[in-house]
Amino acid sequence: MTRLLFVIPLLLVASAASAQQQQGREACTRDASRFCRAYLDKGDDAVLACLKEHRGRLTKACQQTLTAHGQ
């Protein structure tokens, strides 16, 4: 029972981080498909680099997401 009490908060923190990451992906999905289509199959790092190159043309939501994640 005690072990369960320690596991539940860890699961909640992990799910919150996952939800935040998902929101970030959703904010930049349209921009990535618009500006970085050639990089979509090359992995997240390639897409991120492409988004940074086109930062001035991105939607505000995507720009804010990149900034919030230190990019």
PDB file of N, CA and C in Angstrom:
ATOM      1  N   MET A   1       0.832  -1.198   0.000  1.00  0.00           N
ATOM      2  CA  MET A   1       0.000   0.000   0.000  1.00  0.00           C
ATOM      3  C   MET A   1       0.871   1.255   0.000  1.00  0.00           C
ATOM      4  N   THR A   2       1.899   1.264   0.825  1.00  0.00           N
ATOM      5  CA  THR A   2       2.782   2.417   0.896  1.00  0.00           C
ATOM      6  C   THR A   2       3.476   2.646  -0.440  1.00  0.00           C
ATOM      7  N   ARG A   3       3.890   1.582  -1.082  1.00  0.00           N
ATOM      8  CA  ARG A   3       4.564   1.696  -2.378  1.00  0.00           C
ATOM      9  C   ARG A   3       3.627   2.355  -3.394  1.00  0.00           C
ATOM     10  N   LEU A   4       2.372   2.006  -3.360  1.00  0.00           N
ATOM     11  CA  LEU A   4       1.392   2.571  -4.276  1.00  0.00           C
ATOM     12  C   LEU A   4       1.269   4.080  -4.085  1.00  0.00           C
ATOM     13  N   LEU A   5       1.359   4.540  -2.849  1.00  0.00           N
ATOM     14  CA  LEU A   5       1.265   5.972  -2.570  1.00  0.00           C
ATOM     15  C   LEU A   5       2.442   6.746  -3.164  1.00  0.00           C
ATOM     16  N   PHE A   6       3.592   6.097  -3.336  1.00  0.00           N
ATOM     17  CA  PHE A   6       4.745   6.751  -3.945  1.00  0.00           C
ATOM     18  C   PHE A   6       4.675   6.691  -5.467  1.00  0.00           C
ATOM     19  N   VAL A   7       4.071   5.685  -6.007  1.00  0.00           N
ATOM     20  CA  VAL A   7       4.007   5.505  -7.455  1.00  0.00           C
ATOM     21  C   VAL A   7       2.995   6.458  -8.093  1.00  0.00           C
ATOM     22  N   ILE A   8       1.884   6.681  -7.436  1.00  0.00           N
ATOM     23  CA  ILE A   8       0.828   7.524  -8.008  1.00  0.00           C
ATOM     24  C   ILE A   8       1.330   8.940  -8.321  1.00  0.00           C
ATOM     25  N   PRO A   9       2.015   9.639  -7.400  1.00  0.00           N
ATOM     26  CA  PRO A   9       2.512  10.974  -7.756  1.00  0.00           C
ATOM     27  C   PRO A   9       3.507  10.942  -8.923  1.00  0.00           C
ATOM     28  N   LEU A  10       4.317   9.917  -9.003  1.00  0.00           N
ATOM     29  CA  LEU A  10       5.261   9.818 -10.117  1.00  0.00           C
ATOM     30  C   LEU A  10       4.524   9.677 -11.449  1.00  0.00           C
ATOM     31  N   LEU A  11       3.466   8.890 -11.451  1.00  0.00           N
ATOM     32  CA  LEU A  11       2.671   8.728 -12.664  1.00  0.00           C
ATOM     33  C   LEU A  11       1.983  10.036 -13.055  1.00  0.00           C
ATOM     34  N   LEU A  12       1.515  10.780 -12.072  1.00  0.00           N
ATOM     35  CA  LEU A  12       0.861  12.052 -12.363  1.00  0.00           C
ATOM     36  C   LEU A  12       1.841  13.055 -12.956  1.00  0.00           C
ATOM     37  N   VAL A  13       3.048  13.118 -12.427  1.00  0.00           N
ATOM     38  CA  VAL A  13       4.068  14.028 -12.958  1.00  0.00           C
ATOM     39  C   VAL A  13       4.434  13.612 -14.373  1.00  0.00           C
ATOM     40  N   ALA A  14       4.616  12.328 -14.609  1.00  0.00           N
ATOM     41  CA  ALA A  14       4.966  11.841 -15.946  1.00  0.00           C
ATOM     42  C   ALA A  14       3.853  12.136 -16.941  1.00  0.00           C
ATOM     43  N   SER A  15       2.621  11.961 -16.551  1.00  0.00           N
ATOM     44  CA  SER A  15       1.522  12.220 -17.483  1.00  0.00           C
ATOM     45  C   SER A  15       1.372  13.713 -17.753  1.00  0.00           C
ATOM     46  N   ALA A  16       1.643  14.561 -16.779  1.00  0.00           N
ATOM     47  CA  ALA A  16       1.575  16.007 -16.992  1.00  0.00           C
ATOM     48  C   ALA A  16       2.659  16.448 -17.965  1.00  0.00           C
ATOM     49  N   ALA A  17       3.863  15.911 -17.833  1.00  0.00           N
ATOM     50  CA  ALA A  17       4.943  16.246 -18.757  1.00  0.00           C
ATOM     51  C   ALA A  17       4.612  15.766 -20.161  1.00  0.00           C
ATOM     52  N   SER A  18       4.030  14.598 -20.266  1.00  0.00           N
ATOM     53  CA  SER A  18       3.643  14.069 -21.563  1.00  0.00           C
ATOM     54  C   SER A  18       2.557  14.932 -22.199  1.00  0.00           C
ATOM     55  N   ALA A  19       1.608  15.383 -21.417  1.00  0.00           N
ATOM     56  CA  ALA A  19       0.539  16.234 -21.932  1.00  0.00           C
ATOM     57  C   ALA A  19       1.099  17.562 -22.418  1.00  0.00           C
ATOM     58  N   GLN A  20       2.061  18.121 -21.684  1.00  0.00           N
ATOM     59  CA  GLN A  20       2.682  19.374 -22.089  1.00  0.00           C
ATOM     60  C   GLN A  20       3.441  19.200 -23.403  1.00  0.00           C
ATOM     61  N   GLN A  21       4.152  18.098 -23.536  1.00  0.00           N
ATOM     62  CA  GLN A  21       4.880  17.825 -24.768  1.00  0.00           C
ATOM     63  C   GLN A  21       3.903  17.670 -25.932  1.00  0.00           C
ATOM     64  N   GLN A  22       2.788  17.007 -25.698  1.00  0.00           N
ATOM     65  CA  GLN A  22       1.786  16.817 -26.746  1.00  0.00           C
ATOM     66  C   GLN A  22       1.213  18.153 -27.185  1.00  0.00           C
ATOM     67  N   GLN A  23       0.964  19.063 -26.241  1.00  0.00           N
ATOM     68  CA  GLN A  23       0.442  20.383 -26.590  1.00  0.00           C
ATOM     69  C   GLN A  23       1.451  21.139 -27.442  1.00  0.00           C
ATOM     70  N   GLY A  24       2.744  20.989 -27.129  1.00  0.00           N
ATOM     71  CA  GLY A  24       3.787  21.622 -27.918  1.00  0.00           C
ATOM     72  C   GLY A  24       3.822  21.094 -29.334  1.00  0.00           C
ATOM     73  N   ARG A  25       3.670  19.802 -29.465  1.00  0.00           N
ATOM     74  CA  ARG A  25       3.636  19.197 -30.805  1.00  0.00           C
ATOM     75  C   ARG A  25       2.432  19.707 -31.581  1.00  0.00           C
ATOM     76  N   GLU A  26       1.299  19.783 -30.925  1.00  0.00           N
ATOM     77  CA  GLU A  26       0.093  20.250 -31.601  1.00  0.00           C
ATOM     78  C   GLU A  26       0.232  21.701 -32.042  1.00  0.00           C
ATOM     79  N   ALA A  27       0.906  22.524 -31.239  1.00  0.00           N
ATOM     80  CA  ALA A  27       1.078  23.936 -31.574  1.00  0.00           C
ATOM     81  C   ALA A  27       1.934  24.116 -32.817  1.00  0.00           C
ATOM     82  N   CYS A  28       2.851  23.196 -33.064  1.00  0.00           N
ATOM     83  CA  CYS A  28       3.786  23.342 -34.185  1.00  0.00           C
ATOM     84  C   CYS A  28       3.527  22.375 -35.345  1.00  0.00           C
ATOM     85  N   THR A  29       2.528  21.539 -35.248  1.00  0.00           N
ATOM     86  CA  THR A  29       2.279  20.542 -36.284  1.00  0.00           C
ATOM     87  C   THR A  29       2.029  21.174 -37.646  1.00  0.00           C
ATOM     88  N   ARG A  30       1.174  22.146 -37.704  1.00  0.00           N
ATOM     89  CA  ARG A  30       0.851  22.788 -38.983  1.00  0.00           C
ATOM     90  C   ARG A  30       2.089  23.496 -39.553  1.00  0.00           C
ATOM     91  N   ASP A  31       2.840  24.179 -38.694  1.00  0.00           N
ATOM     92  CA  ASP A  31       4.054  24.857 -39.153  1.00  0.00           C
ATOM     93  C   ASP A  31       5.085  23.852 -39.661  1.00  0.00           C
ATOM     94  N   ALA A  32       5.222  22.752 -38.961  1.00  0.00           N
ATOM     95  CA  ALA A  32       6.189  21.736 -39.388  1.00  0.00           C
ATOM     96  C   ALA A  32       5.804  21.159 -40.741  1.00  0.00           C
ATOM     97  N   SER A  33       4.535  20.889 -40.942  1.00  0.00           N
ATOM     98  CA  SER A  33       4.128  20.330 -42.239  1.00  0.00           C
ATOM     99  C   SER A  33       4.207  21.378 -43.343  1.00  0.00           C
ATOM    100  N   ARG A  34       4.072  22.631 -42.998  1.00  0.00           N
ATOM    101  CA  ARG A  34       4.120  23.703 -43.990  1.00  0.00           C
ATOM    102  C   ARG A  34       5.553  24.056 -44.394  1.00  0.00           C
ATOM    103  N   PHE A  35       6.444  24.200 -43.411  1.00  0.00           N
ATOM    104  CA  PHE A  35       7.798  24.677 -43.684  1.00  0.00           C
ATOM    105  C   PHE A  35       8.850  23.578 -43.678  1.00  0.00           C
ATOM    106  N   CYS A  36       8.574  22.458 -43.037  1.00  0.00           N
ATOM    107  CA  CYS A  36       9.617  21.451 -42.803  1.00  0.00           C
ATOM    108  C   CYS A  36       9.218  20.061 -43.292  1.00  0.00           C
ATOM    109  N   ARG A  37       8.382  19.998 -44.283  1.00  0.00           N
ATOM    110  CA  ARG A  37       7.883  18.715 -44.788  1.00  0.00           C
ATOM    111  C   ARG A  37       9.031  17.755 -45.139  1.00  0.00           C
ATOM    112  N   ALA A  38      10.102  18.267 -45.712  1.00  0.00           N
ATOM    113  CA  ALA A  38      11.224  17.418 -46.134  1.00  0.00           C
ATOM    114  C   ALA A  38      11.953  16.785 -44.959  1.00  0.00           C
ATOM    115  N   TYR A  39      11.750  17.325 -43.754  1.00  0.00           N
ATOM    116  CA  TYR A  39      12.476  16.844 -42.574  1.00  0.00           C
ATOM    117  C   TYR A  39      11.629  15.966 -41.660  1.00  0.00           C
ATOM    118  N   LEU A  40      10.352  15.820 -41.952  1.00  0.00           N
ATOM    119  CA  LEU A  40       9.455  15.104 -41.043  1.00  0.00           C
ATOM    120  C   LEU A  40       9.872  13.658 -40.818  1.00  0.00           C
ATOM    121  N   ASP A  41      10.488  13.025 -41.798  1.00  0.00           N
ATOM    122  CA  ASP A  41      10.900  11.627 -41.629  1.00  0.00           C
ATOM    123  C   ASP A  41      12.332  11.504 -41.116  1.00  0.00           C
ATOM    124  N   LYS A  42      12.969  12.614 -40.801  1.00  0.00           N
ATOM    125  CA  LYS A  42      14.362  12.598 -40.348  1.00  0.00           C
ATOM    126  C   LYS A  42      14.499  12.734 -38.829  1.00  0.00           C
ATOM    127  N   GLY A  43      13.398  12.844 -38.125  1.00  0.00           N
ATOM    128  CA  GLY A  43      13.432  12.874 -36.665  1.00  0.00           C
ATOM    129  C   GLY A  43      13.159  14.258 -36.087  1.00  0.00           C
ATOM    130  N   ASP A  44      12.920  14.268 -34.791  1.00  0.00           N
ATOM    131  CA  ASP A  44      12.548  15.491 -34.086  1.00  0.00           C
ATOM    132  C   ASP A  44      13.629  16.565 -34.142  1.00  0.00           C
ATOM    133  N   ASP A  45      14.898  16.168 -34.042  1.00  0.00           N
ATOM    134  CA  ASP A  45      15.971  17.156 -34.052  1.00  0.00           C
ATOM    135  C   ASP A  45      16.035  17.902 -35.377  1.00  0.00           C
ATOM    136  N   ALA A  46      15.838  17.201 -36.472  1.00  0.00           N
ATOM    137  CA  ALA A  46      15.857  17.836 -37.793  1.00  0.00           C
ATOM    138  C   ALA A  46      14.668  18.784 -37.953  1.00  0.00           C
ATOM    139  N   VAL A  47      13.515  18.369 -37.478  1.00  0.00           N
ATOM    140  CA  VAL A  47      12.327  19.222 -37.566  1.00  0.00           C
ATOM    141  C   VAL A  47      12.513  20.452 -36.683  1.00  0.00           C
ATOM    142  N   LEU A  48      13.053  20.276 -35.494  1.00  0.00           N
ATOM    143  CA  LEU A  48      13.291  21.402 -34.601  1.00  0.00           C
ATOM    144  C   LEU A  48      14.250  22.402 -35.237  1.00  0.00           C
ATOM    145  N   ALA A  49      15.323  21.921 -35.828  1.00  0.00           N
ATOM    146  CA  ALA A  49      16.279  22.812 -36.492  1.00  0.00           C
ATOM    147  C   ALA A  49      15.593  23.580 -37.622  1.00  0.00           C
ATOM    148  N   CYS A  50      14.755  22.915 -38.372  1.00  0.00           N
ATOM    149  CA  CYS A  50      14.024  23.556 -39.459  1.00  0.00           C
ATOM    150  C   CYS A  50      13.065  24.621 -38.919  1.00  0.00           C
ATOM    151  N   LEU A  51      12.352  24.295 -37.849  1.00  0.00           N
ATOM    152  CA  LEU A  51      11.435  25.273 -37.262  1.00  0.00           C
ATOM    153  C   LEU A  51      12.191  26.506 -36.785  1.00  0.00           C
ATOM    154  N   LYS A  52      13.364  26.303 -36.215  1.00  0.00           N
ATOM    155  CA  LYS A  52      14.173  27.438 -35.769  1.00  0.00           C
ATOM    156  C   LYS A  52      14.597  28.305 -36.950  1.00  0.00           C
ATOM    157  N   GLU A  53      14.913  27.674 -38.073  1.00  0.00           N
ATOM    158  CA  GLU A  53      15.297  28.429 -39.266  1.00  0.00           C
ATOM    159  C   GLU A  53      14.150  29.299 -39.778  1.00  0.00           C
ATOM    160  N   HIS A  54      12.933  28.835 -39.587  1.00  0.00           N
ATOM    161  CA  HIS A  54      11.752  29.556 -40.074  1.00  0.00           C
ATOM    162  C   HIS A  54      11.012  30.283 -38.956  1.00  0.00           C
ATOM    163  N   ARG A  55      11.680  30.529 -37.862  1.00  0.00           N
ATOM    164  CA  ARG A  55      11.040  31.076 -36.664  1.00  0.00           C
ATOM    165  C   ARG A  55      10.183  32.312 -36.965  1.00  0.00           C
ATOM    166  N   GLY A  56      10.635  33.208 -37.790  1.00  0.00           N
ATOM    167  CA  GLY A  56       9.892  34.430 -38.082  1.00  0.00           C
ATOM    168  C   GLY A  56       8.592  34.199 -38.833  1.00  0.00           C
ATOM    169  N   ARG A  57       8.437  33.052 -39.431  1.00  0.00           N
ATOM    170  CA  ARG A  57       7.241  32.739 -40.215  1.00  0.00           C
ATOM    171  C   ARG A  57       6.270  31.820 -39.472  1.00  0.00           C
ATOM    172  N   LEU A  58       6.652  31.367 -38.291  1.00  0.00           N
ATOM    173  CA  LEU A  58       5.833  30.427 -37.527  1.00  0.00           C
ATOM    174  C   LEU A  58       4.650  31.127 -36.870  1.00  0.00           C
ATOM    175  N   THR A  59       3.631  30.341 -36.539  1.00  0.00           N
ATOM    176  CA  THR A  59       2.501  30.875 -35.785  1.00  0.00           C
ATOM    177  C   THR A  59       2.973  31.287 -34.403  1.00  0.00           C
ATOM    178  N   LYS A  60       2.224  32.192 -33.793  1.00  0.00           N
ATOM    179  CA  LYS A  60       2.584  32.650 -32.446  1.00  0.00           C
ATOM    180  C   LYS A  60       2.601  31.495 -31.451  1.00  0.00           C
ATOM    181  N   ALA A  61       1.658  30.582 -31.585  1.00  0.00           N
ATOM    182  CA  ALA A  61       1.593  29.445 -30.656  1.00  0.00           C
ATOM    183  C   ALA A  61       2.851  28.594 -30.748  1.00  0.00           C
ATOM    184  N   CYS A  62       3.319  28.354 -31.952  1.00  0.00           N
ATOM    185  CA  CYS A  62       4.532  27.554 -32.122  1.00  0.00           C
ATOM    186  C   CYS A  62       5.747  28.323 -31.621  1.00  0.00           C
ATOM    187  N   GLN A  63       5.826  29.610 -31.922  1.00  0.00           N
ATOM    188  CA  GLN A  63       6.934  30.426 -31.423  1.00  0.00           C
ATOM    189  C   GLN A  63       6.975  30.408 -29.899  1.00  0.00           C
ATOM    190  N   GLN A  64       5.814  30.537 -29.271  1.00  0.00           N
ATOM    191  CA  GLN A  64       5.742  30.525 -27.808  1.00  0.00           C
ATOM    192  C   GLN A  64       6.156  29.173 -27.245  1.00  0.00           C
ATOM    193  N   THR A  65       5.782  28.102 -27.934  1.00  0.00           N
ATOM    194  CA  THR A  65       6.154  26.763 -27.489  1.00  0.00           C
ATOM    195  C   THR A  65       7.669  26.592 -27.547  1.00  0.00           C
ATOM    196  N   LEU A  66       8.269  27.017 -28.642  1.00  0.00           N
ATOM    197  CA  LEU A  66       9.736  26.906 -28.766  1.00  0.00           C
ATOM    198  C   LEU A  66      10.415  27.714 -27.657  1.00  0.00           C
ATOM    199  N   THR A  67       9.948  28.925 -27.432  1.00  0.00           N
ATOM    200  CA  THR A  67      10.529  29.773 -26.392  1.00  0.00           C
ATOM    201  C   THR A  67      10.363  29.155 -25.006  1.00  0.00           C
ATOM    202  N   ALA A  68       9.184  28.607 -24.740  1.00  0.00           N
ATOM    203  CA  ALA A  68       8.923  27.991 -23.442  1.00  0.00           C
ATOM    204  C   ALA A  68       9.817  26.777 -23.192  1.00  0.00           C
ATOM    205  N   HIS A  69      10.283  26.144 -24.265  1.00  0.00           N
ATOM    206  CA  HIS A  69      11.153  24.982 -24.131  1.00  0.00           C
ATOM    207  C   HIS A  69      12.619  25.338 -24.341  1.00  0.00           C
ATOM    208  N   GLY A  70      12.930  26.632 -24.266  1.00  0.00           N
ATOM    209  CA  GLY A  70      14.316  27.071 -24.326  1.00  0.00           C
ATOM    210  C   GLY A  70      14.940  26.957 -25.708  1.00  0.00           C
ATOM    211  N   GLN A  71      14.144  27.040 -26.739  1.00  0.00           N
ATOM    212  CA  GLN A  71      14.671  26.923 -28.112  1.00  0.00           C
ATOM    213  C   GLN A  71      14.641  28.256 -28.809  1.00  0.00           C
TER     214      GLN A  71
END
